[in-house]
C-alpha cells in the first residue's frame, strides 16, 4: 500500500543517493511538520549537525505572519549561523517535499542570508 508518507520516503531515499554533505559543503536538510519547519546543516562524512534553526526558536516564534513568512526567517537564521561558522556553500535537501511553498521559502531565505547552493 503506497501512502503519502511511503511515497515521500521513497523520494527522500532517491534524493539522498545523490545528495551528500561534507564539512566544507554541508547538506541543508528540511523537515516540514503541519505547524512548524526545521532546518539542519549536516556534515554526512562525520555524521554531525553543524547548525540548525526552526520556527519554534523564540525569536521566530514571536514574529507574526504566515507559515511561509516564518519559513523565510528560518532560512535566514540558519544562513546566519552558517556564516558564523565560515560556511558559504551548501547542497539543498528537500527531503521528498515538493520545492514549493514553505520549502521554497526556506531556500529563498537561506539565499538571502548569504548561503549559496
N, C-alpha and C. Protein backbone atom coordinates (compact mmCIF):
# COMPACT_ATOMS: atom_id res chain seq x y z
N UNK A 1 0.85 -1.19 0.00
CA UNK A 1 0.00 0.00 0.00
C UNK A 1 0.89 1.25 0.00
N UNK A 2 0.69 2.10 -0.98
CA UNK A 2 1.53 3.28 -1.11
C UNK A 2 0.82 4.50 -0.54
N UNK A 3 1.13 4.82 0.70
CA UNK A 3 0.54 6.01 1.31
C UNK A 3 1.38 7.23 0.97
N UNK A 4 0.88 8.38 1.36
CA UNK A 4 1.59 9.63 1.11
C UNK A 4 2.96 9.62 1.78
N UNK A 5 3.02 9.09 3.01
CA UNK A 5 4.28 9.04 3.77
C UNK A 5 5.29 8.12 3.09
N UNK A 6 4.82 6.93 2.65
CA UNK A 6 5.70 5.98 1.97
C UNK A 6 6.24 6.55 0.67
N UNK A 7 5.38 7.28 -0.06
CA UNK A 7 5.80 7.89 -1.31
C UNK A 7 6.90 8.91 -1.05
N UNK A 8 6.71 9.76 -0.03
CA UNK A 8 7.72 10.77 0.30
C UNK A 8 9.02 10.11 0.73
N UNK A 9 8.91 9.01 1.46
CA UNK A 9 10.11 8.28 1.92
C UNK A 9 10.92 7.74 0.74
N UNK A 10 10.23 7.21 -0.25
CA UNK A 10 10.90 6.70 -1.45
C UNK A 10 11.63 7.83 -2.18
N UNK A 11 10.94 8.97 -2.33
CA UNK A 11 11.55 10.13 -2.99
C UNK A 11 12.76 10.60 -2.19
N UNK A 12 12.61 10.59 -0.85
CA UNK A 12 13.68 11.02 0.05
C UNK A 12 14.93 10.16 -0.13
N UNK A 13 14.76 8.85 -0.18
CA UNK A 13 15.88 7.94 -0.37
C UNK A 13 16.55 8.17 -1.74
N UNK A 14 15.72 8.42 -2.76
CA UNK A 14 16.24 8.67 -4.10
C UNK A 14 17.10 9.94 -4.12
N UNK A 15 16.65 10.98 -3.42
CA UNK A 15 17.41 12.23 -3.34
C UNK A 15 18.70 12.02 -2.56
N UNK A 16 18.62 11.27 -1.45
CA UNK A 16 19.78 11.07 -0.57
C UNK A 16 20.88 10.24 -1.23
N UNK A 17 20.52 9.44 -2.26
CA UNK A 17 21.53 8.70 -3.00
C UNK A 17 22.49 9.66 -3.70
N UNK A 18 21.94 10.78 -4.17
CA UNK A 18 22.72 11.74 -4.95
C UNK A 18 23.28 12.88 -4.10
N UNK A 19 22.55 13.30 -3.06
CA UNK A 19 22.91 14.48 -2.28
C UNK A 19 23.60 14.07 -0.99
N UNK A 20 24.83 14.56 -0.80
CA UNK A 20 25.57 14.27 0.42
C UNK A 20 26.36 15.50 0.82
N UNK A 21 26.50 15.73 2.13
CA UNK A 21 27.18 16.92 2.61
C UNK A 21 28.53 16.62 3.21
N UNK A 22 29.44 17.59 3.12
CA UNK A 22 30.76 17.50 3.74
C UNK A 22 30.90 18.66 4.72
N UNK A 23 32.04 18.73 5.40
CA UNK A 23 32.27 19.80 6.36
C UNK A 23 32.31 21.16 5.65
N UNK A 24 32.93 21.20 4.46
CA UNK A 24 33.02 22.46 3.70
C UNK A 24 31.73 22.78 2.97
N UNK A 25 31.03 21.75 2.53
CA UNK A 25 29.82 21.90 1.72
C UNK A 25 28.70 21.05 2.32
N UNK A 26 28.12 21.47 3.46
CA UNK A 26 27.15 20.62 4.16
C UNK A 26 25.80 20.54 3.44
N UNK A 27 25.00 19.59 3.89
CA UNK A 27 23.66 19.38 3.33
C UNK A 27 22.66 20.17 4.16
N UNK A 28 21.85 20.99 3.49
CA UNK A 28 20.80 21.77 4.16
C UNK A 28 19.52 20.96 4.09
N UNK A 29 19.20 20.28 5.18
CA UNK A 29 18.06 19.36 5.22
C UNK A 29 16.84 20.05 5.82
N UNK A 30 15.68 19.85 5.20
CA UNK A 30 14.43 20.48 5.64
C UNK A 30 13.47 19.42 6.13
N UNK A 31 12.85 19.68 7.30
CA UNK A 31 11.73 18.84 7.74
C UNK A 31 10.54 19.75 7.97
N UNK A 32 9.41 19.36 7.43
CA UNK A 32 8.21 20.18 7.49
C UNK A 32 7.12 19.40 8.22
N UNK A 33 6.69 19.91 9.36
CA UNK A 33 5.53 19.32 10.03
C UNK A 33 4.32 20.18 9.69
N UNK A 34 3.16 19.80 10.20
CA UNK A 34 1.96 20.59 9.88
C UNK A 34 2.05 22.02 10.40
N UNK A 35 2.68 22.18 11.57
CA UNK A 35 2.69 23.51 12.19
C UNK A 35 4.03 24.22 12.10
N UNK A 36 5.14 23.48 12.04
CA UNK A 36 6.46 24.09 12.10
C UNK A 36 7.36 23.59 10.97
N UNK A 37 8.54 24.23 10.85
CA UNK A 37 9.54 23.81 9.87
C UNK A 37 10.90 23.80 10.55
N UNK A 38 11.70 22.78 10.27
CA UNK A 38 13.00 22.60 10.91
C UNK A 38 14.07 22.46 9.82
N UNK A 39 15.22 23.09 10.04
CA UNK A 39 16.30 23.06 9.06
C UNK A 39 17.61 22.73 9.77
N UNK A 40 18.41 21.85 9.14
CA UNK A 40 19.72 21.49 9.71
C UNK A 40 20.79 21.55 8.63
N UNK A 41 21.99 21.98 9.02
CA UNK A 41 23.16 21.86 8.15
C UNK A 41 23.92 20.62 8.62
N UNK A 42 24.04 19.61 7.77
CA UNK A 42 24.57 18.32 8.17
C UNK A 42 25.85 17.98 7.41
N UNK A 43 26.86 17.55 8.16
CA UNK A 43 28.11 17.02 7.59
C UNK A 43 27.97 15.50 7.59
N UNK A 44 27.72 14.91 6.42
CA UNK A 44 27.46 13.48 6.33
C UNK A 44 28.72 12.62 6.48
N UNK A 45 29.90 13.18 6.21
CA UNK A 45 31.11 12.38 6.35
C UNK A 45 31.37 12.04 7.81
N UNK A 46 31.10 13.00 8.72
CA UNK A 46 31.27 12.75 10.16
C UNK A 46 29.96 12.42 10.85
N UNK A 47 28.84 12.61 10.16
CA UNK A 47 27.54 12.35 10.75
C UNK A 47 27.18 13.33 11.85
N UNK A 48 27.51 14.61 11.64
CA UNK A 48 27.22 15.62 12.66
C UNK A 48 26.37 16.75 12.09
N UNK A 49 25.59 17.36 12.98
CA UNK A 49 24.82 18.55 12.63
C UNK A 49 25.65 19.77 12.98
N UNK A 50 25.91 20.61 12.00
CA UNK A 50 26.75 21.79 12.21
C UNK A 50 25.96 22.98 12.74
N UNK A 51 24.74 23.16 12.23
CA UNK A 51 23.88 24.26 12.68
C UNK A 51 22.43 23.87 12.42
N UNK A 52 21.53 24.47 13.18
CA UNK A 52 20.11 24.18 12.97
C UNK A 52 19.28 25.41 13.32
N UNK A 53 18.07 25.44 12.78
CA UNK A 53 17.12 26.50 13.10
C UNK A 53 15.73 25.93 12.87
N UNK A 54 14.76 26.49 13.57
CA UNK A 54 13.38 26.05 13.36
C UNK A 54 12.42 27.19 13.66
N UNK A 55 11.18 27.00 13.26
CA UNK A 55 10.16 28.01 13.52
C UNK A 55 9.73 28.00 14.98
N UNK A 56 10.29 27.10 15.78
CA UNK A 56 9.98 27.06 17.21
C UNK A 56 10.99 27.84 18.04
N UNK A 57 12.06 28.38 17.39
CA UNK A 57 13.01 29.23 18.09
C UNK A 57 12.27 30.46 18.62
N UNK A 58 12.69 30.94 19.79
CA UNK A 58 11.98 32.03 20.46
C UNK A 58 11.80 33.28 19.58
N UNK A 59 12.90 33.71 18.92
CA UNK A 59 12.81 34.94 18.13
C UNK A 59 11.90 34.80 16.91
N UNK A 60 11.83 33.61 16.33
CA UNK A 60 10.98 33.39 15.16
C UNK A 60 9.53 33.14 15.59
N UNK A 61 9.34 32.41 16.67
CA UNK A 61 8.00 32.12 17.17
C UNK A 61 7.27 33.40 17.57
N UNK A 62 8.04 34.40 18.04
CA UNK A 62 7.45 35.66 18.48
C UNK A 62 6.93 36.50 17.31
N UNK A 63 7.43 36.22 16.09
CA UNK A 63 7.03 37.00 14.92
C UNK A 63 5.60 36.66 14.50
N UNK A 64 4.92 37.67 13.96
CA UNK A 64 3.59 37.43 13.39
C UNK A 64 3.77 37.11 11.91
N UNK A 65 2.85 36.36 11.34
CA UNK A 65 2.90 36.09 9.91
C UNK A 65 2.48 34.68 9.59
N UNK A 66 2.44 34.38 8.29
CA UNK A 66 2.04 33.06 7.84
C UNK A 66 3.20 32.08 8.03
N UNK A 67 2.92 30.81 7.82
CA UNK A 67 3.97 29.79 7.96
C UNK A 67 5.05 29.99 6.90
N UNK A 68 4.68 30.43 5.70
CA UNK A 68 5.67 30.69 4.65
C UNK A 68 6.58 31.85 5.02
N UNK A 69 6.01 32.89 5.62
CA UNK A 69 6.82 34.03 6.04
C UNK A 69 7.80 33.63 7.15
N UNK A 70 7.34 32.78 8.05
CA UNK A 70 8.23 32.29 9.11
C UNK A 70 9.32 31.39 8.53
N UNK A 71 9.00 30.66 7.46
CA UNK A 71 9.98 29.80 6.81
C UNK A 71 11.14 30.60 6.24
N UNK A 72 10.85 31.79 5.72
CA UNK A 72 11.90 32.67 5.20
C UNK A 72 12.83 33.07 6.35
N UNK A 73 12.24 33.38 7.51
CA UNK A 73 13.03 33.75 8.69
C UNK A 73 13.91 32.59 9.15
N UNK A 74 13.39 31.37 9.07
CA UNK A 74 14.16 30.17 9.45
C UNK A 74 15.36 30.02 8.51
N UNK A 75 15.13 30.23 7.21
CA UNK A 75 16.22 30.16 6.23
C UNK A 75 17.29 31.20 6.51
N UNK A 76 16.87 32.41 6.84
CA UNK A 76 17.84 33.47 7.16
C UNK A 76 18.61 33.15 8.43
N UNK A 77 17.91 32.57 9.42
CA UNK A 77 18.55 32.23 10.70
C UNK A 77 19.62 31.17 10.51
N UNK A 78 19.33 30.13 9.73
CA UNK A 78 20.33 29.07 9.52
C UNK A 78 21.49 29.59 8.69
N UNK A 79 21.21 30.52 7.76
CA UNK A 79 22.28 31.12 6.96
C UNK A 79 23.21 31.94 7.83
N UNK A 80 22.65 32.68 8.79
CA UNK A 80 23.46 33.49 9.70
C UNK A 80 24.36 32.60 10.55
N UNK A 81 23.81 31.47 11.04
CA UNK A 81 24.60 30.54 11.84
C UNK A 81 25.71 29.90 11.00
N UNK A 82 25.40 29.61 9.73
CA UNK A 82 26.38 29.01 8.83
C UNK A 82 27.52 29.99 8.55
N UNK A 83 27.19 31.24 8.29
CA UNK A 83 28.21 32.25 8.01
C UNK A 83 29.10 32.47 9.23
N UNK A 84 28.52 32.36 10.43
CA UNK A 84 29.30 32.48 11.65
C UNK A 84 30.32 31.35 11.77
N UNK A 85 29.98 30.17 11.20
CA UNK A 85 30.89 29.03 11.20
C UNK A 85 31.84 29.06 10.00
N UNK A 86 31.69 30.06 9.13
CA UNK A 86 32.54 30.16 7.95
C UNK A 86 32.09 29.32 6.79
N UNK A 87 30.82 28.97 6.75
CA UNK A 87 30.27 28.14 5.67
C UNK A 87 29.46 29.04 4.74
N UNK A 88 29.81 29.02 3.44
CA UNK A 88 29.06 29.83 2.47
C UNK A 88 28.36 28.96 1.43
N UNK A 89 28.85 27.73 1.23
CA UNK A 89 28.28 26.81 0.25
C UNK A 89 27.52 25.70 0.96
N UNK A 90 26.45 25.21 0.35
CA UNK A 90 25.77 24.02 0.86
C UNK A 90 25.00 23.36 -0.28
N UNK A 91 24.52 22.16 -0.04
CA UNK A 91 23.65 21.48 -1.00
C UNK A 91 22.28 21.37 -0.36
N UNK A 92 21.23 21.62 -1.15
CA UNK A 92 19.87 21.66 -0.61
C UNK A 92 19.23 20.28 -0.69
N UNK A 93 18.68 19.82 0.43
CA UNK A 93 17.99 18.53 0.50
C UNK A 93 16.54 18.80 0.88
N UNK A 94 15.65 18.64 -0.10
CA UNK A 94 14.24 18.96 0.16
C UNK A 94 13.49 17.82 0.86
N UNK A 95 14.17 16.72 1.13
CA UNK A 95 13.63 15.60 1.91
C UNK A 95 12.33 15.04 1.37
N UNK A 96 12.18 15.00 0.07
CA UNK A 96 10.99 14.39 -0.52
C UNK A 96 9.80 15.31 -0.65
N UNK A 97 9.92 16.55 -0.15
CA UNK A 97 8.83 17.51 -0.30
C UNK A 97 8.98 18.19 -1.66
N UNK A 98 7.87 18.69 -2.19
CA UNK A 98 7.94 19.45 -3.43
C UNK A 98 8.66 20.76 -3.16
N UNK A 99 9.44 21.22 -4.13
CA UNK A 99 10.13 22.51 -3.99
C UNK A 99 9.10 23.60 -4.27
N UNK A 100 8.32 23.92 -3.25
CA UNK A 100 7.15 24.77 -3.40
C UNK A 100 6.71 25.20 -2.02
N UNK A 101 6.13 26.36 -1.90
CA UNK A 101 5.58 26.79 -0.60
C UNK A 101 6.64 27.02 0.45
N UNK A 102 6.47 26.35 1.59
CA UNK A 102 7.37 26.57 2.73
C UNK A 102 8.79 26.10 2.47
N UNK A 103 8.96 25.02 1.71
CA UNK A 103 10.30 24.50 1.41
C UNK A 103 11.04 25.51 0.53
N UNK A 104 10.35 26.07 -0.45
CA UNK A 104 10.95 27.08 -1.33
C UNK A 104 11.26 28.34 -0.52
N UNK A 105 10.40 28.70 0.42
CA UNK A 105 10.61 29.88 1.26
C UNK A 105 11.87 29.75 2.09
N UNK A 106 12.12 28.55 2.63
CA UNK A 106 13.35 28.31 3.40
C UNK A 106 14.57 28.51 2.51
N UNK A 107 14.52 27.95 1.29
CA UNK A 107 15.64 28.08 0.36
C UNK A 107 15.89 29.54 -0.01
N UNK A 108 14.80 30.27 -0.26
CA UNK A 108 14.94 31.69 -0.61
C UNK A 108 15.52 32.49 0.55
N UNK A 109 15.06 32.19 1.77
CA UNK A 109 15.58 32.86 2.96
C UNK A 109 17.05 32.58 3.18
N UNK A 110 17.47 31.34 2.95
CA UNK A 110 18.88 30.97 3.11
C UNK A 110 19.73 31.68 2.06
N UNK A 111 19.21 31.79 0.85
CA UNK A 111 19.94 32.51 -0.21
C UNK A 111 20.08 33.99 0.14
N UNK A 112 18.99 34.58 0.64
CA UNK A 112 19.03 35.99 1.07
C UNK A 112 20.04 36.19 2.18
N UNK A 113 20.14 35.19 3.07
CA UNK A 113 21.07 35.26 4.19
C UNK A 113 22.52 35.08 3.80
N UNK A 114 22.79 34.65 2.57
CA UNK A 114 24.17 34.56 2.10
C UNK A 114 24.66 33.18 1.75
N UNK A 115 23.83 32.15 1.90
CA UNK A 115 24.25 30.80 1.51
C UNK A 115 24.10 30.62 0.01
N UNK A 116 25.01 29.83 -0.56
CA UNK A 116 24.93 29.54 -2.00
C UNK A 116 24.73 28.05 -2.21
N UNK A 117 23.74 27.71 -3.04
CA UNK A 117 23.52 26.31 -3.43
C UNK A 117 22.83 26.24 -4.77
